[in-house]
Amino acid sequence: MGTHDMTIQSSPPAEHKPRILVVEDDDSMRRSMQLFLRGRGFDVLTYASAGQLLREVNVEAACLVADYRLGEQNGISLLGALRARGWMGPAILTTGFPSEELRSSARTAGFDLFLEKPFQDHALINGINQLIRANFREVV
């Protein structure tokens, strides 16, 4: 298998809806987040695994929302792979198995927000909006 040049930008053009990448192995949770975020005006791309996202060659995204447990990989290793490819956007880690050790690992890996499942819809949307605004100010 060859190596792909993966260009991932953290800020979509202003005329487009902000794109959110959702990586969640639970089908119903993934679909629920997709519908909720689309209903709030976001362009949402969903993936059932880290590998699915990492196979994308060109992805632009304003924010990543990743579950911790993703089968063959986890959300922390996914963010590490994206950072290694140059994507520096904000990231949110979700998990149904929270611990202080995981919270610390997520922070060290570069996650900006840690959400424990089940989380309230407003916690997700507020987190995404705040992170996108903060990231936009840093870029400008």
N, C-alpha and C. Protein backbone atom coordinates (compact mmCIF):
# COMPACT_ATOMS: atom_id res chain seq x y z
N MET A 1 0.82 -1.18 0.00
CA MET A 1 0.00 0.00 0.00
C MET A 1 0.87 1.25 0.00
N GLY A 2 0.54 2.20 -0.85
CA GLY A 2 1.31 3.42 -0.94
C GLY A 2 0.89 4.43 0.11
N THR A 3 1.71 5.42 0.27
CA THR A 3 1.39 6.49 1.20
C THR A 3 0.68 7.60 0.44
N HIS A 4 -0.39 8.10 1.01
CA HIS A 4 -1.15 9.18 0.39
C HIS A 4 -0.73 10.50 1.01
N ASP A 5 -0.67 11.52 0.18
CA ASP A 5 -0.44 12.87 0.68
C ASP A 5 -1.78 13.38 1.20
N MET A 6 -1.91 13.51 2.49
CA MET A 6 -3.18 13.91 3.09
C MET A 6 -3.12 15.36 3.51
N THR A 7 -3.88 16.19 2.86
CA THR A 7 -3.95 17.60 3.19
C THR A 7 -5.20 17.83 4.00
N ILE A 8 -5.03 18.24 5.24
CA ILE A 8 -6.17 18.50 6.10
C ILE A 8 -6.04 19.91 6.62
N GLN A 9 -7.03 20.73 6.34
CA GLN A 9 -7.01 22.11 6.78
C GLN A 9 -7.97 22.27 7.94
N SER A 10 -7.60 23.10 8.90
CA SER A 10 -8.43 23.25 10.08
C SER A 10 -9.53 24.29 9.93
N SER A 11 -9.49 25.11 8.91
CA SER A 11 -10.51 26.15 8.76
C SER A 11 -11.08 26.13 7.35
N PRO A 12 -12.37 25.82 7.21
CA PRO A 12 -12.97 25.86 5.89
C PRO A 12 -13.19 27.30 5.45
N PRO A 13 -13.33 27.54 4.14
CA PRO A 13 -13.60 28.90 3.68
C PRO A 13 -14.86 29.45 4.35
N ALA A 14 -14.89 30.76 4.57
CA ALA A 14 -15.97 31.40 5.33
C ALA A 14 -17.34 31.20 4.71
N GLU A 15 -17.43 31.07 3.36
CA GLU A 15 -18.74 30.95 2.74
C GLU A 15 -19.34 29.55 2.91
N HIS A 16 -18.57 28.62 3.41
CA HIS A 16 -19.06 27.26 3.60
C HIS A 16 -19.49 27.04 5.05
N LYS A 17 -20.35 26.06 5.24
CA LYS A 17 -20.71 25.66 6.60
C LYS A 17 -19.48 25.02 7.23
N PRO A 18 -19.25 25.25 8.51
CA PRO A 18 -18.12 24.58 9.15
C PRO A 18 -18.30 23.06 9.08
N ARG A 19 -17.23 22.37 8.70
CA ARG A 19 -17.27 20.92 8.59
C ARG A 19 -16.80 20.29 9.90
N ILE A 20 -17.59 19.34 10.37
CA ILE A 20 -17.27 18.59 11.58
C ILE A 20 -17.02 17.14 11.18
N LEU A 21 -15.93 16.58 11.65
CA LEU A 21 -15.64 15.17 11.45
C LEU A 21 -16.09 14.43 12.70
N VAL A 22 -16.96 13.44 12.54
CA VAL A 22 -17.44 12.63 13.66
C VAL A 22 -16.94 11.21 13.44
N VAL A 23 -16.16 10.71 14.39
CA VAL A 23 -15.65 9.34 14.32
C VAL A 23 -16.20 8.60 15.53
N GLU A 24 -17.13 7.69 15.27
CA GLU A 24 -17.87 6.98 16.33
C GLU A 24 -18.23 5.60 15.80
N ASP A 25 -17.86 4.56 16.54
CA ASP A 25 -18.14 3.20 16.06
C ASP A 25 -19.56 2.72 16.33
N ASP A 26 -20.28 3.38 17.23
CA ASP A 26 -21.66 3.01 17.50
C ASP A 26 -22.57 3.68 16.46
N ASP A 27 -23.22 2.85 15.64
CA ASP A 27 -24.03 3.36 14.52
C ASP A 27 -25.09 4.37 14.96
N SER A 28 -25.84 4.04 16.02
CA SER A 28 -26.93 4.93 16.43
C SER A 28 -26.40 6.25 16.99
N MET A 29 -25.31 6.19 17.73
CA MET A 29 -24.71 7.41 18.28
C MET A 29 -24.16 8.28 17.15
N ARG A 30 -23.48 7.64 16.19
CA ARG A 30 -22.92 8.37 15.06
C ARG A 30 -24.03 9.07 14.26
N ARG A 31 -25.10 8.34 13.98
CA ARG A 31 -26.22 8.91 13.21
C ARG A 31 -26.91 10.03 14.00
N SER A 32 -27.06 9.85 15.29
CA SER A 32 -27.68 10.87 16.14
C SER A 32 -26.87 12.16 16.12
N MET A 33 -25.54 12.05 16.26
CA MET A 33 -24.69 13.25 16.23
C MET A 33 -24.74 13.90 14.85
N GLN A 34 -24.75 13.08 13.81
CA GLN A 34 -24.81 13.61 12.45
C GLN A 34 -26.08 14.44 12.24
N LEU A 35 -27.22 13.87 12.60
CA LEU A 35 -28.49 14.59 12.42
C LEU A 35 -28.55 15.85 13.28
N PHE A 36 -28.11 15.74 14.52
CA PHE A 36 -28.13 16.89 15.43
C PHE A 36 -27.26 18.03 14.90
N LEU A 37 -26.03 17.71 14.50
CA LEU A 37 -25.11 18.75 14.04
C LEU A 37 -25.54 19.34 12.70
N ARG A 38 -26.05 18.52 11.81
CA ARG A 38 -26.57 19.05 10.54
C ARG A 38 -27.74 19.99 10.80
N GLY A 39 -28.58 19.63 11.76
CA GLY A 39 -29.71 20.48 12.12
C GLY A 39 -29.28 21.82 12.69
N ARG A 40 -28.04 21.90 13.18
CA ARG A 40 -27.50 23.15 13.74
C ARG A 40 -26.66 23.89 12.71
N GLY A 41 -26.69 23.45 11.45
CA GLY A 41 -26.03 24.19 10.38
C GLY A 41 -24.62 23.77 10.03
N PHE A 42 -24.18 22.63 10.53
CA PHE A 42 -22.84 22.16 10.21
C PHE A 42 -22.86 21.18 9.04
N ASP A 43 -21.76 21.14 8.31
CA ASP A 43 -21.52 20.11 7.31
C ASP A 43 -20.84 18.98 8.09
N VAL A 44 -21.41 17.79 8.08
CA VAL A 44 -20.91 16.71 8.93
C VAL A 44 -20.48 15.52 8.08
N LEU A 45 -19.25 15.07 8.30
CA LEU A 45 -18.77 13.83 7.71
C LEU A 45 -18.61 12.83 8.84
N THR A 46 -19.16 11.62 8.66
CA THR A 46 -19.08 10.62 9.73
C THR A 46 -18.27 9.42 9.28
N TYR A 47 -17.63 8.80 10.26
CA TYR A 47 -16.79 7.63 10.02
C TYR A 47 -17.01 6.64 11.16
N ALA A 48 -17.07 5.35 10.81
CA ALA A 48 -17.27 4.31 11.80
C ALA A 48 -15.96 3.88 12.46
N SER A 49 -14.84 4.29 11.88
CA SER A 49 -13.54 3.90 12.43
C SER A 49 -12.50 4.96 12.12
N ALA A 50 -11.41 4.92 12.86
CA ALA A 50 -10.30 5.82 12.60
C ALA A 50 -9.72 5.55 11.22
N GLY A 51 -9.63 4.28 10.86
CA GLY A 51 -9.08 3.90 9.56
C GLY A 51 -9.84 4.50 8.40
N GLN A 52 -11.17 4.56 8.53
CA GLN A 52 -11.98 5.16 7.46
C GLN A 52 -11.58 6.62 7.24
N LEU A 53 -11.44 7.37 8.30
CA LEU A 53 -11.04 8.77 8.17
C LEU A 53 -9.62 8.88 7.63
N LEU A 54 -8.72 8.07 8.13
CA LEU A 54 -7.32 8.17 7.73
C LEU A 54 -7.10 7.77 6.27
N ARG A 55 -8.03 7.04 5.68
CA ARG A 55 -7.93 6.70 4.26
C ARG A 55 -8.31 7.87 3.35
N GLU A 56 -8.95 8.89 3.90
CA GLU A 56 -9.30 10.08 3.11
C GLU A 56 -8.02 10.81 2.72
N VAL A 57 -7.95 11.24 1.48
CA VAL A 57 -6.76 11.93 1.01
C VAL A 57 -6.80 13.42 1.36
N ASN A 58 -7.90 14.08 1.05
CA ASN A 58 -8.04 15.51 1.32
C ASN A 58 -9.27 15.75 2.17
N VAL A 59 -9.06 16.22 3.36
CA VAL A 59 -10.17 16.50 4.26
C VAL A 59 -9.95 17.88 4.87
N GLU A 60 -10.97 18.71 4.78
CA GLU A 60 -10.95 20.00 5.46
C GLU A 60 -11.95 19.90 6.59
N ALA A 61 -11.58 20.39 7.76
CA ALA A 61 -12.49 20.30 8.89
C ALA A 61 -12.24 21.42 9.88
N ALA A 62 -13.33 21.91 10.45
CA ALA A 62 -13.25 22.93 11.48
C ALA A 62 -13.07 22.32 12.86
N CYS A 63 -13.50 21.04 13.02
CA CYS A 63 -13.43 20.39 14.33
C CYS A 63 -13.56 18.88 14.17
N LEU A 64 -12.91 18.14 15.05
CA LEU A 64 -13.00 16.69 15.12
C LEU A 64 -13.73 16.31 16.39
N VAL A 65 -14.70 15.39 16.28
CA VAL A 65 -15.35 14.79 17.44
C VAL A 65 -15.10 13.29 17.32
N ALA A 66 -14.32 12.73 18.25
CA ALA A 66 -13.95 11.32 18.16
C ALA A 66 -14.24 10.58 19.45
N ASP A 67 -14.78 9.39 19.31
CA ASP A 67 -14.97 8.50 20.45
C ASP A 67 -13.60 7.97 20.86
N TYR A 68 -13.45 7.60 22.12
CA TYR A 68 -12.18 7.03 22.56
C TYR A 68 -12.02 5.61 22.03
N ARG A 69 -13.01 4.77 22.25
CA ARG A 69 -12.92 3.37 21.82
C ARG A 69 -13.45 3.24 20.40
N LEU A 70 -12.54 2.90 19.49
CA LEU A 70 -12.90 2.80 18.08
C LEU A 70 -12.47 1.47 17.46
N GLY A 71 -12.47 0.41 18.22
CA GLY A 71 -12.07 -0.88 17.66
C GLY A 71 -10.56 -1.00 17.59
N GLU A 72 -10.03 -1.04 16.37
CA GLU A 72 -8.60 -1.28 16.17
C GLU A 72 -7.72 -0.10 16.60
N GLN A 73 -8.29 1.08 16.68
CA GLN A 73 -7.57 2.26 17.14
C GLN A 73 -8.43 2.97 18.16
N ASN A 74 -7.86 4.01 18.75
CA ASN A 74 -8.68 4.83 19.65
C ASN A 74 -8.59 6.28 19.22
N GLY A 75 -9.42 7.10 19.82
CA GLY A 75 -9.47 8.50 19.45
C GLY A 75 -8.16 9.24 19.66
N ILE A 76 -7.40 8.84 20.66
CA ILE A 76 -6.12 9.50 20.93
C ILE A 76 -5.12 9.20 19.83
N SER A 77 -5.03 7.94 19.40
CA SER A 77 -4.11 7.61 18.31
C SER A 77 -4.56 8.24 17.00
N LEU A 78 -5.88 8.36 16.81
CA LEU A 78 -6.40 9.03 15.61
C LEU A 78 -5.94 10.48 15.57
N LEU A 79 -6.11 11.21 16.67
CA LEU A 79 -5.68 12.60 16.69
C LEU A 79 -4.18 12.71 16.44
N GLY A 80 -3.41 11.80 17.02
CA GLY A 80 -1.96 11.80 16.78
C GLY A 80 -1.63 11.64 15.31
N ALA A 81 -2.34 10.75 14.63
CA ALA A 81 -2.12 10.53 13.19
C ALA A 81 -2.51 11.77 12.38
N LEU A 82 -3.61 12.41 12.76
CA LEU A 82 -4.02 13.63 12.05
C LEU A 82 -3.03 14.77 12.28
N ARG A 83 -2.55 14.90 13.51
CA ARG A 83 -1.56 15.94 13.81
C ARG A 83 -0.27 15.70 13.01
N ALA A 84 0.13 14.43 12.89
CA ALA A 84 1.33 14.08 12.13
C ALA A 84 1.19 14.45 10.66
N ARG A 85 -0.04 14.51 10.18
CA ARG A 85 -0.31 14.87 8.78
C ARG A 85 -0.59 16.36 8.61
N GLY A 86 -0.46 17.11 9.69
CA GLY A 86 -0.57 18.56 9.59
C GLY A 86 -1.90 19.18 9.97
N TRP A 87 -2.88 18.37 10.40
CA TRP A 87 -4.16 18.95 10.80
C TRP A 87 -4.04 19.45 12.24
N MET A 88 -4.33 20.73 12.46
CA MET A 88 -4.16 21.33 13.77
C MET A 88 -5.45 21.91 14.34
N GLY A 89 -6.59 21.47 13.84
CA GLY A 89 -7.87 21.98 14.31
C GLY A 89 -8.22 21.50 15.71
N PRO A 90 -9.26 22.07 16.28
CA PRO A 90 -9.71 21.66 17.61
C PRO A 90 -10.33 20.28 17.59
N ALA A 91 -10.25 19.60 18.73
CA ALA A 91 -10.73 18.22 18.81
C ALA A 91 -11.43 17.96 20.14
N ILE A 92 -12.47 17.14 20.05
CA ILE A 92 -13.27 16.74 21.22
C ILE A 92 -13.22 15.23 21.32
N LEU A 93 -12.91 14.72 22.51
CA LEU A 93 -12.92 13.27 22.76
C LEU A 93 -14.16 12.93 23.57
N THR A 94 -14.90 11.91 23.12
CA THR A 94 -16.07 11.43 23.86
C THR A 94 -15.79 10.02 24.36
N THR A 95 -16.37 9.67 25.50
CA THR A 95 -16.18 8.31 26.01
C THR A 95 -17.28 7.95 27.00
N GLY A 96 -17.61 6.69 27.00
CA GLY A 96 -18.54 6.16 27.99
C GLY A 96 -17.79 5.55 29.17
N PHE A 97 -16.47 5.60 29.12
CA PHE A 97 -15.62 4.99 30.15
C PHE A 97 -14.60 6.00 30.66
N PRO A 98 -15.08 7.08 31.30
CA PRO A 98 -14.18 8.14 31.73
C PRO A 98 -13.31 7.74 32.92
N SER A 99 -12.12 8.30 32.95
CA SER A 99 -11.23 8.16 34.10
C SER A 99 -10.31 9.37 34.09
N GLU A 100 -9.71 9.66 35.23
CA GLU A 100 -8.77 10.78 35.29
C GLU A 100 -7.56 10.50 34.41
N GLU A 101 -7.15 9.24 34.33
CA GLU A 101 -6.01 8.88 33.48
C GLU A 101 -6.32 9.16 32.01
N LEU A 102 -7.52 8.78 31.57
CA LEU A 102 -7.91 9.04 30.18
C LEU A 102 -8.04 10.54 29.93
N ARG A 103 -8.63 11.24 30.86
CA ARG A 103 -8.77 12.70 30.72
C ARG A 103 -7.39 13.35 30.56
N SER A 104 -6.44 12.92 31.37
CA SER A 104 -5.08 13.46 31.30
C SER A 104 -4.42 13.10 29.97
N SER A 105 -4.58 11.85 29.53
CA SER A 105 -4.01 11.42 28.25
C SER A 105 -4.60 12.21 27.09
N ALA A 106 -5.90 12.47 27.15
CA ALA A 106 -6.57 13.23 26.09
C ALA A 106 -6.02 14.66 26.04
N ARG A 107 -5.86 15.26 27.18
CA ARG A 107 -5.32 16.63 27.25
C ARG A 107 -3.89 16.67 26.69
N THR A 108 -3.08 15.70 27.09
CA THR A 108 -1.70 15.62 26.62
C THR A 108 -1.64 15.42 25.10
N ALA A 109 -2.57 14.63 24.57
CA ALA A 109 -2.61 14.35 23.13
C ALA A 109 -3.07 15.54 22.31
N GLY A 110 -3.70 16.52 22.96
CA GLY A 110 -4.13 17.71 22.24
C GLY A 110 -5.63 17.89 22.12
N PHE A 111 -6.41 17.06 22.80
CA PHE A 111 -7.86 17.27 22.78
C PHE A 111 -8.20 18.51 23.59
N ASP A 112 -9.10 19.30 23.05
CA ASP A 112 -9.50 20.55 23.68
C ASP A 112 -10.66 20.38 24.65
N LEU A 113 -11.44 19.32 24.46
CA LEU A 113 -12.62 19.09 25.29
C LEU A 113 -12.80 17.59 25.46
N PHE A 114 -13.24 17.19 26.65
CA PHE A 114 -13.47 15.79 27.01
C PHE A 114 -14.92 15.69 27.45
N LEU A 115 -15.73 14.91 26.71
CA LEU A 115 -17.15 14.76 27.05
C LEU A 115 -17.44 13.32 27.46
N GLU A 116 -18.06 13.18 28.63
CA GLU A 116 -18.46 11.86 29.12
C GLU A 116 -19.85 11.52 28.58
N LYS A 117 -19.97 10.31 28.03
CA LYS A 117 -21.28 9.83 27.55
C LYS A 117 -22.07 9.31 28.74
N PRO A 118 -23.34 9.49 28.77
CA PRO A 118 -24.10 10.29 27.81
C PRO A 118 -23.91 11.77 28.12
N PHE A 119 -23.77 12.57 27.08
CA PHE A 119 -23.62 14.01 27.28
C PHE A 119 -24.85 14.71 26.72
N GLN A 120 -25.08 15.90 27.20
CA GLN A 120 -26.21 16.71 26.74
C GLN A 120 -25.87 17.32 25.38
N ASP A 121 -26.88 17.42 24.53
CA ASP A 121 -26.68 18.01 23.20
C ASP A 121 -26.03 19.39 23.29
N HIS A 122 -26.49 20.19 24.25
CA HIS A 122 -25.96 21.55 24.37
C HIS A 122 -24.48 21.55 24.73
N ALA A 123 -24.01 20.54 25.46
CA ALA A 123 -22.58 20.47 25.80
C ALA A 123 -21.75 20.27 24.54
N LEU A 124 -22.24 19.42 23.64
CA LEU A 124 -21.53 19.18 22.38
C LEU A 124 -21.54 20.43 21.50
N ILE A 125 -22.70 21.00 21.28
CA ILE A 125 -22.81 22.14 20.37
C ILE A 125 -22.09 23.36 20.93
N ASN A 126 -22.20 23.61 22.23
CA ASN A 126 -21.48 24.73 22.83
C ASN A 126 -19.97 24.54 22.73
N GLY A 127 -19.52 23.32 22.98
CA GLY A 127 -18.09 23.03 22.87
C GLY A 127 -17.57 23.24 21.46
N ILE A 128 -18.29 22.72 20.47
CA ILE A 128 -17.88 22.89 19.08
C ILE A 128 -17.84 24.37 18.71
N ASN A 129 -18.90 25.09 19.02
CA ASN A 129 -18.95 26.52 18.67
C ASN A 129 -17.81 27.31 19.32
N GLN A 130 -17.55 27.07 20.60
CA GLN A 130 -16.48 27.79 21.28
C GLN A 130 -15.12 27.45 20.69
N LEU A 131 -14.89 26.17 20.39
CA LEU A 131 -13.60 25.76 19.84
C LEU A 131 -13.38 26.32 18.44
N ILE A 132 -14.41 26.32 17.63
CA ILE A 132 -14.28 26.86 16.27
C ILE A 132 -13.99 28.36 16.33
N ARG A 133 -14.71 29.08 17.19
CA ARG A 133 -14.47 30.53 17.32
C ARG A 133 -13.05 30.80 17.82
N ALA A 134 -12.61 30.06 18.81
CA ALA A 134 -11.26 30.25 19.36
C ALA A 134 -10.20 29.92 18.31
N ASN A 135 -10.40 28.86 17.56
CA ASN A 135 -9.45 28.46 16.53
C ASN A 135 -9.41 29.49 15.41
N PHE A 136 -10.55 30.04 15.04
CA PHE A 136 -10.61 31.06 13.99
C PHE A 136 -9.83 32.30 14.42
N ARG A 137 -9.98 32.71 15.67
CA ARG A 137 -9.25 33.89 16.17
C ARG A 137 -7.74 33.65 16.14
N GLU A 138 -7.31 32.42 16.44
CA GLU A 138 -5.88 32.11 16.42
C GLU A 138 -5.33 32.15 15.00
N VAL A 139 -6.11 31.70 14.02
CA VAL A 139 -5.67 31.65 12.63
C VAL A 139 -5.58 33.06 12.05
N VAL A 140 -6.54 33.91 12.40
CA VAL A 140 -6.59 35.28 11.87
C VAL A 140 -5.62 36.12 12.63
